[in-house]
Amino acid sequence: MSNALGIYSPVINQKQNMQFSTHYDVASLTVTSQKADNWPSRLETVWHLHLLAWFVLEPVAAHFGTAPKVSSGYRSDAVNKAVGGSTKSQHSFGQAADFEIAGTDNRELAKWINDNLTFDQLILEFYTSAGGMASGWVHCSYKPSGNRKQFLTAIKKNGKTQYLPATTARLEGL
């Protein structure tokens, strides 16, 4: 497998951008507001970003007619630490993105992904019906194998984040 990943060497060695799909390239999946180097340093990370673009983001773009805006994709160790991310975060391995589509209800976006795509973890984060269709965001991860298709919601309770199964009743109650 490592020989096949050699196609990503220019991304790592020269920090050269690479187009993954119609709407996504390395640069679009490494966006950050943090002042830290956020360019991938491992071939596997770039491969994971490529898979995420092909198997999650592009199908979403095709269905909704517009590309999701990624607010957080890959996170280097420095960026992940700055945003308070878990050391096991799939963002750190290039396997996850947080995104939204302007004018599309995030709850409906998450439901469509759950019903139509393969993914490892899908989280409707901090969505509330009172906050309107743009409240919160969608987090989705994809792995090369062993995708769990775990669908959760994230809420704040007593100042702490809680992750709950995204049952139909739970989603309708948000």
N, C-alpha and C. Protein backbone atom coordinates (compact mmCIF):
# COMPACT_ATOMS: atom_id res chain seq x y z
N MET A 1 0.82 -1.20 0.00
CA MET A 1 0.00 0.00 0.00
C MET A 1 0.86 1.26 0.00
N SER A 2 2.00 1.26 0.70
CA SER A 2 2.81 2.48 0.79
C SER A 2 3.31 2.93 -0.58
N ASN A 3 3.60 1.99 -1.51
CA ASN A 3 4.01 2.38 -2.86
C ASN A 3 2.89 3.14 -3.56
N ALA A 4 1.67 2.69 -3.41
CA ALA A 4 0.53 3.36 -4.03
C ALA A 4 0.35 4.77 -3.46
N LEU A 5 0.68 4.95 -2.20
CA LEU A 5 0.52 6.26 -1.57
C LEU A 5 1.57 7.25 -2.04
N GLY A 6 2.55 6.77 -2.79
CA GLY A 6 3.60 7.64 -3.30
C GLY A 6 3.08 8.77 -4.18
N ILE A 7 1.89 8.60 -4.74
CA ILE A 7 1.32 9.69 -5.56
C ILE A 7 1.10 10.96 -4.73
N TYR A 8 1.05 10.79 -3.41
CA TYR A 8 0.84 11.94 -2.53
C TYR A 8 2.15 12.58 -2.07
N SER A 9 3.29 12.05 -2.48
CA SER A 9 4.60 12.57 -2.03
C SER A 9 4.77 14.07 -2.28
N PRO A 10 4.40 14.60 -3.46
CA PRO A 10 4.57 16.06 -3.66
C PRO A 10 3.78 16.89 -2.65
N VAL A 11 2.66 16.38 -2.19
CA VAL A 11 1.87 17.09 -1.19
C VAL A 11 2.67 17.23 0.10
N ILE A 12 3.34 16.15 0.48
CA ILE A 12 4.12 16.13 1.72
C ILE A 12 5.46 16.84 1.54
N ASN A 13 6.20 16.46 0.51
CA ASN A 13 7.57 16.93 0.34
C ASN A 13 7.69 18.38 -0.13
N GLN A 14 6.81 18.83 -1.00
CA GLN A 14 6.87 20.20 -1.51
C GLN A 14 5.68 21.06 -1.08
N LYS A 15 4.84 20.53 -0.24
CA LYS A 15 3.61 21.22 0.18
C LYS A 15 2.84 21.69 -1.05
N GLN A 16 2.75 20.78 -2.01
CA GLN A 16 2.04 21.05 -3.26
C GLN A 16 0.57 20.66 -3.10
N ASN A 17 -0.30 21.55 -3.50
CA ASN A 17 -1.73 21.25 -3.42
C ASN A 17 -2.07 20.16 -4.44
N MET A 18 -3.10 19.37 -4.15
CA MET A 18 -3.54 18.32 -5.06
C MET A 18 -5.05 18.32 -5.10
N GLN A 19 -5.61 18.27 -6.30
CA GLN A 19 -7.06 18.19 -6.47
C GLN A 19 -7.52 16.76 -6.22
N PHE A 20 -8.47 16.57 -5.31
CA PHE A 20 -9.01 15.25 -5.01
C PHE A 20 -10.25 14.92 -5.81
N SER A 21 -11.07 15.95 -6.04
CA SER A 21 -12.37 15.76 -6.67
C SER A 21 -12.79 17.09 -7.27
N THR A 22 -13.97 17.15 -7.80
CA THR A 22 -14.45 18.37 -8.44
C THR A 22 -14.36 19.58 -7.52
N HIS A 23 -14.74 19.43 -6.27
CA HIS A 23 -14.82 20.57 -5.35
C HIS A 23 -13.73 20.63 -4.28
N TYR A 24 -12.96 19.58 -4.12
CA TYR A 24 -12.04 19.53 -2.97
C TYR A 24 -10.61 19.20 -3.36
N ASP A 25 -9.71 19.91 -2.67
CA ASP A 25 -8.28 19.66 -2.80
C ASP A 25 -7.69 19.68 -1.39
N VAL A 26 -6.38 19.49 -1.29
CA VAL A 26 -5.75 19.47 0.04
C VAL A 26 -6.02 20.77 0.78
N ALA A 27 -5.82 21.90 0.10
CA ALA A 27 -5.98 23.19 0.77
C ALA A 27 -7.38 23.40 1.34
N SER A 28 -8.40 22.95 0.60
CA SER A 28 -9.78 23.16 1.08
C SER A 28 -10.12 22.27 2.27
N LEU A 29 -9.33 21.23 2.50
CA LEU A 29 -9.60 20.32 3.63
C LEU A 29 -8.61 20.50 4.77
N THR A 30 -7.80 21.57 4.70
CA THR A 30 -6.86 21.86 5.78
C THR A 30 -7.07 23.27 6.32
N VAL A 31 -8.24 23.84 6.06
CA VAL A 31 -8.54 25.20 6.50
C VAL A 31 -8.51 25.28 8.02
N THR A 32 -8.05 26.41 8.53
CA THR A 32 -8.06 26.63 9.97
C THR A 32 -7.95 28.12 10.26
N SER A 33 -8.49 28.53 11.38
CA SER A 33 -8.34 29.91 11.81
C SER A 33 -7.16 30.03 12.78
N GLN A 34 -6.54 28.91 13.11
CA GLN A 34 -5.42 28.90 14.03
C GLN A 34 -4.14 29.32 13.32
N LYS A 35 -3.25 29.96 14.05
CA LYS A 35 -1.97 30.39 13.48
C LYS A 35 -0.93 29.30 13.73
N ALA A 36 -1.08 28.20 13.02
CA ALA A 36 -0.15 27.08 13.15
C ALA A 36 -0.09 26.37 11.81
N ASP A 37 1.03 25.70 11.55
CA ASP A 37 1.17 24.94 10.31
C ASP A 37 0.14 23.81 10.34
N ASN A 38 -0.69 23.75 9.32
CA ASN A 38 -1.74 22.73 9.29
C ASN A 38 -1.65 21.89 8.02
N TRP A 39 -0.48 21.82 7.42
CA TRP A 39 -0.32 21.00 6.22
C TRP A 39 -0.02 19.57 6.64
N PRO A 40 -0.63 18.58 6.01
CA PRO A 40 -0.39 17.18 6.38
C PRO A 40 1.09 16.79 6.21
N SER A 41 1.56 15.93 7.08
CA SER A 41 2.96 15.49 7.02
C SER A 41 3.08 13.98 6.80
N ARG A 42 1.94 13.30 6.65
CA ARG A 42 1.96 11.85 6.45
C ARG A 42 1.16 11.49 5.20
N LEU A 43 1.70 10.57 4.41
CA LEU A 43 1.03 10.13 3.19
C LEU A 43 -0.36 9.58 3.48
N GLU A 44 -0.49 8.80 4.56
CA GLU A 44 -1.77 8.20 4.91
C GLU A 44 -2.83 9.27 5.18
N THR A 45 -2.41 10.38 5.77
CA THR A 45 -3.35 11.47 6.06
C THR A 45 -3.92 12.03 4.77
N VAL A 46 -3.07 12.23 3.77
CA VAL A 46 -3.53 12.77 2.49
C VAL A 46 -4.47 11.77 1.82
N TRP A 47 -4.13 10.50 1.88
CA TRP A 47 -5.01 9.45 1.33
C TRP A 47 -6.37 9.49 2.00
N HIS A 48 -6.39 9.63 3.34
CA HIS A 48 -7.66 9.69 4.07
C HIS A 48 -8.48 10.90 3.63
N LEU A 49 -7.83 12.04 3.44
CA LEU A 49 -8.55 13.23 2.97
C LEU A 49 -9.15 12.98 1.59
N HIS A 50 -8.40 12.31 0.74
CA HIS A 50 -8.89 11.98 -0.60
C HIS A 50 -10.15 11.11 -0.51
N LEU A 51 -10.11 10.09 0.34
CA LEU A 51 -11.28 9.22 0.53
C LEU A 51 -12.48 9.99 1.08
N LEU A 52 -12.22 10.87 2.03
CA LEU A 52 -13.29 11.69 2.62
C LEU A 52 -13.95 12.56 1.55
N ALA A 53 -13.15 13.14 0.68
CA ALA A 53 -13.69 13.96 -0.41
C ALA A 53 -14.56 13.12 -1.33
N TRP A 54 -14.08 11.94 -1.72
CA TRP A 54 -14.79 11.09 -2.68
C TRP A 54 -16.04 10.43 -2.13
N PHE A 55 -15.96 9.93 -0.90
CA PHE A 55 -17.05 9.10 -0.38
C PHE A 55 -18.05 9.84 0.51
N VAL A 56 -17.70 11.06 0.93
CA VAL A 56 -18.64 11.83 1.76
C VAL A 56 -18.97 13.17 1.11
N LEU A 57 -17.98 14.02 0.94
CA LEU A 57 -18.23 15.40 0.53
C LEU A 57 -18.78 15.53 -0.89
N GLU A 58 -18.21 14.81 -1.84
CA GLU A 58 -18.71 14.91 -3.23
C GLU A 58 -20.13 14.34 -3.38
N PRO A 59 -20.45 13.19 -2.77
CA PRO A 59 -21.85 12.74 -2.87
C PRO A 59 -22.83 13.73 -2.26
N VAL A 60 -22.44 14.39 -1.17
CA VAL A 60 -23.30 15.41 -0.56
C VAL A 60 -23.47 16.57 -1.55
N ALA A 61 -22.37 17.01 -2.15
CA ALA A 61 -22.43 18.10 -3.12
C ALA A 61 -23.33 17.74 -4.30
N ALA A 62 -23.21 16.53 -4.78
CA ALA A 62 -24.02 16.09 -5.92
C ALA A 62 -25.50 16.08 -5.57
N HIS A 63 -25.84 15.59 -4.38
CA HIS A 63 -27.25 15.52 -4.00
C HIS A 63 -27.86 16.90 -3.75
N PHE A 64 -27.14 17.75 -3.03
CA PHE A 64 -27.70 19.04 -2.64
C PHE A 64 -27.44 20.15 -3.67
N GLY A 65 -26.65 19.84 -4.70
CA GLY A 65 -26.43 20.79 -5.77
C GLY A 65 -25.43 21.88 -5.44
N THR A 66 -24.75 21.78 -4.33
CA THR A 66 -23.72 22.74 -3.95
C THR A 66 -22.75 22.06 -2.98
N ALA A 67 -21.51 22.46 -3.05
CA ALA A 67 -20.49 21.82 -2.21
C ALA A 67 -20.59 22.30 -0.77
N PRO A 68 -20.53 21.36 0.18
CA PRO A 68 -20.51 21.76 1.59
C PRO A 68 -19.29 22.63 1.88
N LYS A 69 -19.46 23.63 2.73
CA LYS A 69 -18.34 24.46 3.18
C LYS A 69 -17.71 23.79 4.40
N VAL A 70 -16.46 23.41 4.25
CA VAL A 70 -15.73 22.74 5.34
C VAL A 70 -15.16 23.80 6.27
N SER A 71 -15.55 23.73 7.54
CA SER A 71 -15.01 24.66 8.53
C SER A 71 -13.83 24.05 9.27
N SER A 72 -13.76 22.73 9.31
CA SER A 72 -12.64 22.04 9.95
C SER A 72 -12.49 20.67 9.29
N GLY A 73 -11.34 20.45 8.70
CA GLY A 73 -11.02 19.15 8.11
C GLY A 73 -9.84 18.58 8.87
N TYR A 74 -8.73 18.39 8.15
CA TYR A 74 -7.52 17.90 8.82
C TYR A 74 -7.06 18.91 9.86
N ARG A 75 -6.57 18.38 10.99
CA ARG A 75 -5.98 19.22 12.03
C ARG A 75 -4.61 18.64 12.40
N SER A 76 -3.57 19.45 12.23
CA SER A 76 -2.25 19.05 12.71
C SER A 76 -2.31 18.94 14.23
N ASP A 77 -1.30 18.35 14.83
CA ASP A 77 -1.28 18.23 16.30
C ASP A 77 -1.40 19.61 16.95
N ALA A 78 -0.69 20.60 16.39
CA ALA A 78 -0.72 21.95 16.98
C ALA A 78 -2.12 22.57 16.88
N VAL A 79 -2.76 22.42 15.73
CA VAL A 79 -4.10 22.97 15.56
C VAL A 79 -5.10 22.22 16.43
N ASN A 80 -5.00 20.91 16.45
CA ASN A 80 -5.92 20.12 17.26
C ASN A 80 -5.82 20.50 18.73
N LYS A 81 -4.61 20.70 19.22
CA LYS A 81 -4.41 21.11 20.61
C LYS A 81 -4.99 22.51 20.84
N ALA A 82 -4.78 23.43 19.89
CA ALA A 82 -5.27 24.80 20.03
C ALA A 82 -6.79 24.86 20.11
N VAL A 83 -7.48 23.96 19.40
CA VAL A 83 -8.95 23.98 19.43
C VAL A 83 -9.52 23.06 20.51
N GLY A 84 -8.65 22.42 21.30
CA GLY A 84 -9.11 21.57 22.38
C GLY A 84 -9.63 20.22 21.91
N GLY A 85 -9.15 19.76 20.75
CA GLY A 85 -9.59 18.47 20.20
C GLY A 85 -8.97 17.30 20.93
N SER A 86 -9.64 16.17 20.86
CA SER A 86 -9.14 14.93 21.45
C SER A 86 -7.89 14.47 20.71
N THR A 87 -6.97 13.86 21.42
CA THR A 87 -5.76 13.32 20.78
C THR A 87 -6.11 12.16 19.85
N LYS A 88 -7.30 11.60 20.00
CA LYS A 88 -7.76 10.51 19.13
C LYS A 88 -8.70 11.02 18.03
N SER A 89 -8.82 12.33 17.90
CA SER A 89 -9.74 12.91 16.92
C SER A 89 -9.44 12.42 15.52
N GLN A 90 -10.48 12.04 14.80
CA GLN A 90 -10.30 11.60 13.42
C GLN A 90 -9.88 12.76 12.52
N HIS A 91 -10.07 13.99 12.96
CA HIS A 91 -9.57 15.15 12.22
C HIS A 91 -8.04 15.05 12.10
N SER A 92 -7.38 14.57 13.15
CA SER A 92 -5.92 14.49 13.17
C SER A 92 -5.36 13.47 12.19
N PHE A 93 -6.21 12.58 11.70
CA PHE A 93 -5.78 11.55 10.76
C PHE A 93 -6.30 11.82 9.35
N GLY A 94 -6.96 12.97 9.16
CA GLY A 94 -7.52 13.31 7.86
C GLY A 94 -8.79 12.55 7.53
N GLN A 95 -9.43 11.99 8.53
CA GLN A 95 -10.60 11.15 8.31
C GLN A 95 -11.93 11.86 8.60
N ALA A 96 -11.90 13.13 9.01
CA ALA A 96 -13.15 13.79 9.41
C ALA A 96 -13.18 15.23 8.93
N ALA A 97 -14.40 15.71 8.73
CA ALA A 97 -14.63 17.11 8.40
C ALA A 97 -15.90 17.59 9.09
N ASP A 98 -15.89 18.86 9.46
CA ASP A 98 -17.08 19.55 9.96
C ASP A 98 -17.52 20.47 8.82
N PHE A 99 -18.82 20.47 8.52
CA PHE A 99 -19.27 21.24 7.37
C PHE A 99 -20.74 21.59 7.46
N GLU A 100 -21.13 22.51 6.57
CA GLU A 100 -22.51 22.95 6.41
C GLU A 100 -22.74 23.30 4.95
N ILE A 101 -23.99 23.41 4.57
CA ILE A 101 -24.37 23.94 3.26
C ILE A 101 -25.31 25.11 3.52
N ALA A 102 -24.92 26.28 3.05
CA ALA A 102 -25.75 27.47 3.26
C ALA A 102 -27.15 27.22 2.70
N GLY A 103 -28.16 27.55 3.50
CA GLY A 103 -29.55 27.40 3.07
C GLY A 103 -30.11 26.00 3.25
N THR A 104 -29.31 25.08 3.79
CA THR A 104 -29.77 23.71 4.02
C THR A 104 -29.80 23.45 5.52
N ASP A 105 -30.88 22.90 5.99
CA ASP A 105 -31.04 22.57 7.41
C ASP A 105 -30.02 21.48 7.78
N ASN A 106 -29.19 21.74 8.78
CA ASN A 106 -28.16 20.78 9.18
C ASN A 106 -28.74 19.45 9.63
N ARG A 107 -29.93 19.47 10.22
CA ARG A 107 -30.57 18.22 10.63
C ARG A 107 -30.93 17.40 9.39
N GLU A 108 -31.45 18.05 8.35
CA GLU A 108 -31.80 17.35 7.12
C GLU A 108 -30.55 16.85 6.40
N LEU A 109 -29.48 17.62 6.44
CA LEU A 109 -28.21 17.22 5.85
C LEU A 109 -27.70 15.95 6.53
N ALA A 110 -27.71 15.93 7.85
CA ALA A 110 -27.25 14.76 8.59
C ALA A 110 -28.13 13.54 8.32
N LYS A 111 -29.45 13.74 8.27
CA LYS A 111 -30.36 12.63 7.99
C LYS A 111 -30.07 12.03 6.61
N TRP A 112 -29.83 12.90 5.61
CA TRP A 112 -29.56 12.40 4.27
C TRP A 112 -28.27 11.57 4.24
N ILE A 113 -27.23 12.07 4.90
CA ILE A 113 -25.97 11.32 4.96
C ILE A 113 -26.20 9.97 5.61
N ASN A 114 -26.92 9.95 6.72
CA ASN A 114 -27.19 8.69 7.41
C ASN A 114 -27.93 7.70 6.52
N ASP A 115 -28.89 8.18 5.77
CA ASP A 115 -29.72 7.31 4.94
C ASP A 115 -29.05 6.86 3.64
N ASN A 116 -28.01 7.59 3.20
CA ASN A 116 -27.50 7.34 1.85
C ASN A 116 -26.01 7.04 1.72
N LEU A 117 -25.21 7.32 2.73
CA LEU A 117 -23.77 7.15 2.59
C LEU A 117 -23.19 6.18 3.61
N THR A 118 -22.02 5.67 3.30
CA THR A 118 -21.22 4.91 4.25
C THR A 118 -20.33 5.92 4.97
N PHE A 119 -20.21 5.79 6.28
CA PHE A 119 -19.38 6.69 7.08
C PHE A 119 -18.98 5.95 8.34
N ASP A 120 -17.99 6.51 9.03
CA ASP A 120 -17.61 5.92 10.30
C ASP A 120 -18.45 6.55 11.42
N GLN A 121 -18.38 7.87 11.51
CA GLN A 121 -19.13 8.56 12.55
C GLN A 121 -19.76 9.82 11.96
N LEU A 122 -21.01 10.02 12.28
CA LEU A 122 -21.77 11.19 11.84
C LEU A 122 -22.33 11.83 13.10
N ILE A 123 -22.03 13.11 13.29
CA ILE A 123 -22.52 13.80 14.49
C ILE A 123 -23.19 15.10 14.07
N LEU A 124 -24.45 15.24 14.44
CA LEU A 124 -25.14 16.51 14.30
C LEU A 124 -24.79 17.30 15.56
N GLU A 125 -23.91 18.27 15.40
CA GLU A 125 -23.35 18.95 16.57
C GLU A 125 -24.07 20.25 16.90
N PHE A 126 -24.60 20.33 18.11
CA PHE A 126 -25.16 21.53 18.70
C PHE A 126 -26.30 22.15 17.89
N TYR A 127 -27.06 21.32 17.23
CA TYR A 127 -28.23 21.76 16.47
C TYR A 127 -29.40 21.95 17.42
N THR A 128 -30.15 23.03 17.22
CA THR A 128 -31.41 23.23 17.95
C THR A 128 -32.42 23.80 16.97
N SER A 129 -33.66 23.35 17.07
CA SER A 129 -34.68 23.89 16.17
C SER A 129 -34.89 25.37 16.46
N ALA A 130 -34.71 25.77 17.71
CA ALA A 130 -34.86 27.19 18.07
C ALA A 130 -33.78 28.03 17.41
N GLY A 131 -32.62 27.42 17.14
CA GLY A 131 -31.51 28.14 16.51
C GLY A 131 -31.66 28.26 15.01
N GLY A 132 -32.64 27.57 14.47
CA GLY A 132 -32.87 27.63 13.03
C GLY A 132 -32.04 26.63 12.26
N MET A 133 -32.31 26.59 10.97
CA MET A 133 -31.71 25.57 10.11
C MET A 133 -30.19 25.60 10.08
N ALA A 134 -29.59 26.75 10.37
CA ALA A 134 -28.14 26.86 10.30
C ALA A 134 -27.47 26.65 11.65
N SER A 135 -28.24 26.27 12.66
CA SER A 135 -27.59 26.08 13.97
C SER A 135 -26.73 24.82 13.93
N GLY A 136 -25.65 24.88 14.65
CA GLY A 136 -24.75 23.74 14.72
C GLY A 136 -24.05 23.48 13.40
N TRP A 137 -23.59 22.25 13.25
CA TRP A 137 -22.91 21.82 12.03
C TRP A 137 -22.92 20.30 11.99
N VAL A 138 -22.46 19.75 10.88
CA VAL A 138 -22.38 18.31 10.70
C VAL A 138 -20.92 17.90 10.72
N HIS A 139 -20.63 16.88 11.51
CA HIS A 139 -19.30 16.25 11.54
C HIS A 139 -19.47 14.88 10.92
N CYS A 140 -18.60 14.53 9.97
CA CYS A 140 -18.67 13.20 9.38
C CYS A 140 -17.27 12.69 9.14
N SER A 141 -17.06 11.41 9.47
CA SER A 141 -15.76 10.79 9.24
C SER A 141 -15.92 9.55 8.37
N TYR A 142 -14.81 9.22 7.72
CA TYR A 142 -14.77 8.06 6.83
C TYR A 142 -13.40 7.41 6.96
N LYS A 143 -13.38 6.09 7.11
CA LYS A 143 -12.13 5.33 7.21
C LYS A 143 -12.00 4.41 5.99
N PRO A 144 -10.77 4.01 5.68
CA PRO A 144 -10.58 3.10 4.55
C PRO A 144 -11.31 1.77 4.72
N SER A 145 -11.48 1.34 5.97
CA SER A 145 -12.24 0.10 6.24
C SER A 145 -12.79 0.16 7.66
N GLY A 146 -13.78 -0.68 7.92
CA GLY A 146 -14.34 -0.77 9.27
C GLY A 146 -15.22 0.39 9.67
N ASN A 147 -15.88 1.03 8.72
CA ASN A 147 -16.78 2.14 9.06
C ASN A 147 -17.95 1.63 9.90
N ARG A 148 -18.19 2.30 11.03
CA ARG A 148 -19.20 1.85 12.02
C ARG A 148 -20.61 2.35 11.72
N LYS A 149 -20.74 3.40 10.93
CA LYS A 149 -22.03 4.04 10.66
C LYS A 149 -22.72 4.44 11.98
N GLN A 150 -21.94 5.09 12.84
CA GLN A 150 -22.43 5.55 14.14
C GLN A 150 -22.98 6.97 13.97
N PHE A 151 -24.25 7.16 14.31
CA PHE A 151 -24.92 8.46 14.16
C PHE A 151 -25.26 8.99 15.54
N LEU A 152 -24.73 10.18 15.86
CA LEU A 152 -24.91 10.78 17.18
C LEU A 152 -25.36 12.23 17.05
N THR A 153 -25.83 12.77 18.17
CA THR A 153 -26.04 14.21 18.29
C THR A 153 -25.14 14.68 19.43
N ALA A 154 -24.68 15.91 19.35
CA ALA A 154 -23.87 16.50 20.41
C ALA A 154 -24.66 17.67 20.98
N ILE A 155 -24.78 17.69 22.30
CA ILE A 155 -25.47 18.79 22.98
C ILE A 155 -24.62 19.25 24.15
N LYS A 156 -24.88 20.47 24.60
CA LYS A 156 -24.23 20.98 25.81
C LYS A 156 -25.21 20.83 26.96
N LYS A 157 -24.74 20.22 28.03
CA LYS A 157 -25.55 20.07 29.23
C LYS A 157 -24.66 20.37 30.43
N ASN A 158 -25.06 21.37 31.20
CA ASN A 158 -24.28 21.81 32.35
C ASN A 158 -22.84 22.13 31.95
N GLY A 159 -22.70 22.77 30.77
CA GLY A 159 -21.39 23.20 30.31
C GLY A 159 -20.52 22.11 29.71
N LYS A 160 -21.02 20.89 29.65
CA LYS A 160 -20.23 19.79 29.11
C LYS A 160 -20.91 19.22 27.87
N THR A 161 -20.09 18.76 26.92
CA THR A 161 -20.63 18.16 25.71
C THR A 161 -21.04 16.72 25.98
N GLN A 162 -22.25 16.39 25.57
CA GLN A 162 -22.75 15.01 25.67
C GLN A 162 -23.07 14.52 24.27
N TYR A 163 -22.71 13.27 24.01
CA TYR A 163 -23.00 12.63 22.73
C TYR A 163 -24.09 11.59 22.95
N LEU A 164 -25.17 11.72 22.20
CA LEU A 164 -26.31 10.83 22.36
C LEU A 164 -26.63 10.17 21.02
N PRO A 165 -27.16 8.94 21.05
CA PRO A 165 -27.57 8.30 19.79
C PRO A 165 -28.61 9.16 19.08
N ALA A 166 -28.50 9.26 17.77
CA ALA A 166 -29.41 10.08 16.97
C ALA A 166 -30.61 9.26 16.55
N THR A 167 -31.49 8.98 17.48
CA THR A 167 -32.71 8.26 17.15
C THR A 167 -33.68 9.19 16.44
N THR A 168 -34.65 8.64 15.75
CA THR A 168 -35.65 9.45 15.03
C THR A 168 -36.35 10.38 16.01
N ALA A 169 -36.74 9.88 17.17
CA ALA A 169 -37.43 10.70 18.16
C ALA A 169 -36.50 11.82 18.65
N ARG A 170 -35.26 11.49 18.85
CA ARG A 170 -34.29 12.49 19.32
C ARG A 170 -34.11 13.59 18.26
N LEU A 171 -33.96 13.19 17.00
CA LEU A 171 -33.77 14.17 15.94
C LEU A 171 -35.00 15.08 15.79
N GLU A 172 -36.18 14.50 15.89
CA GLU A 172 -37.40 15.29 15.75
C GLU A 172 -37.57 16.24 16.92
N GLY A 173 -37.03 15.89 18.09
CA GLY A 173 -37.16 16.72 19.27
C GLY A 173 -36.16 17.87 19.34
N LEU A 174 -35.18 17.88 18.46
CA LEU A 174 -34.20 18.95 18.50
C LEU A 174 -34.76 20.26 17.97
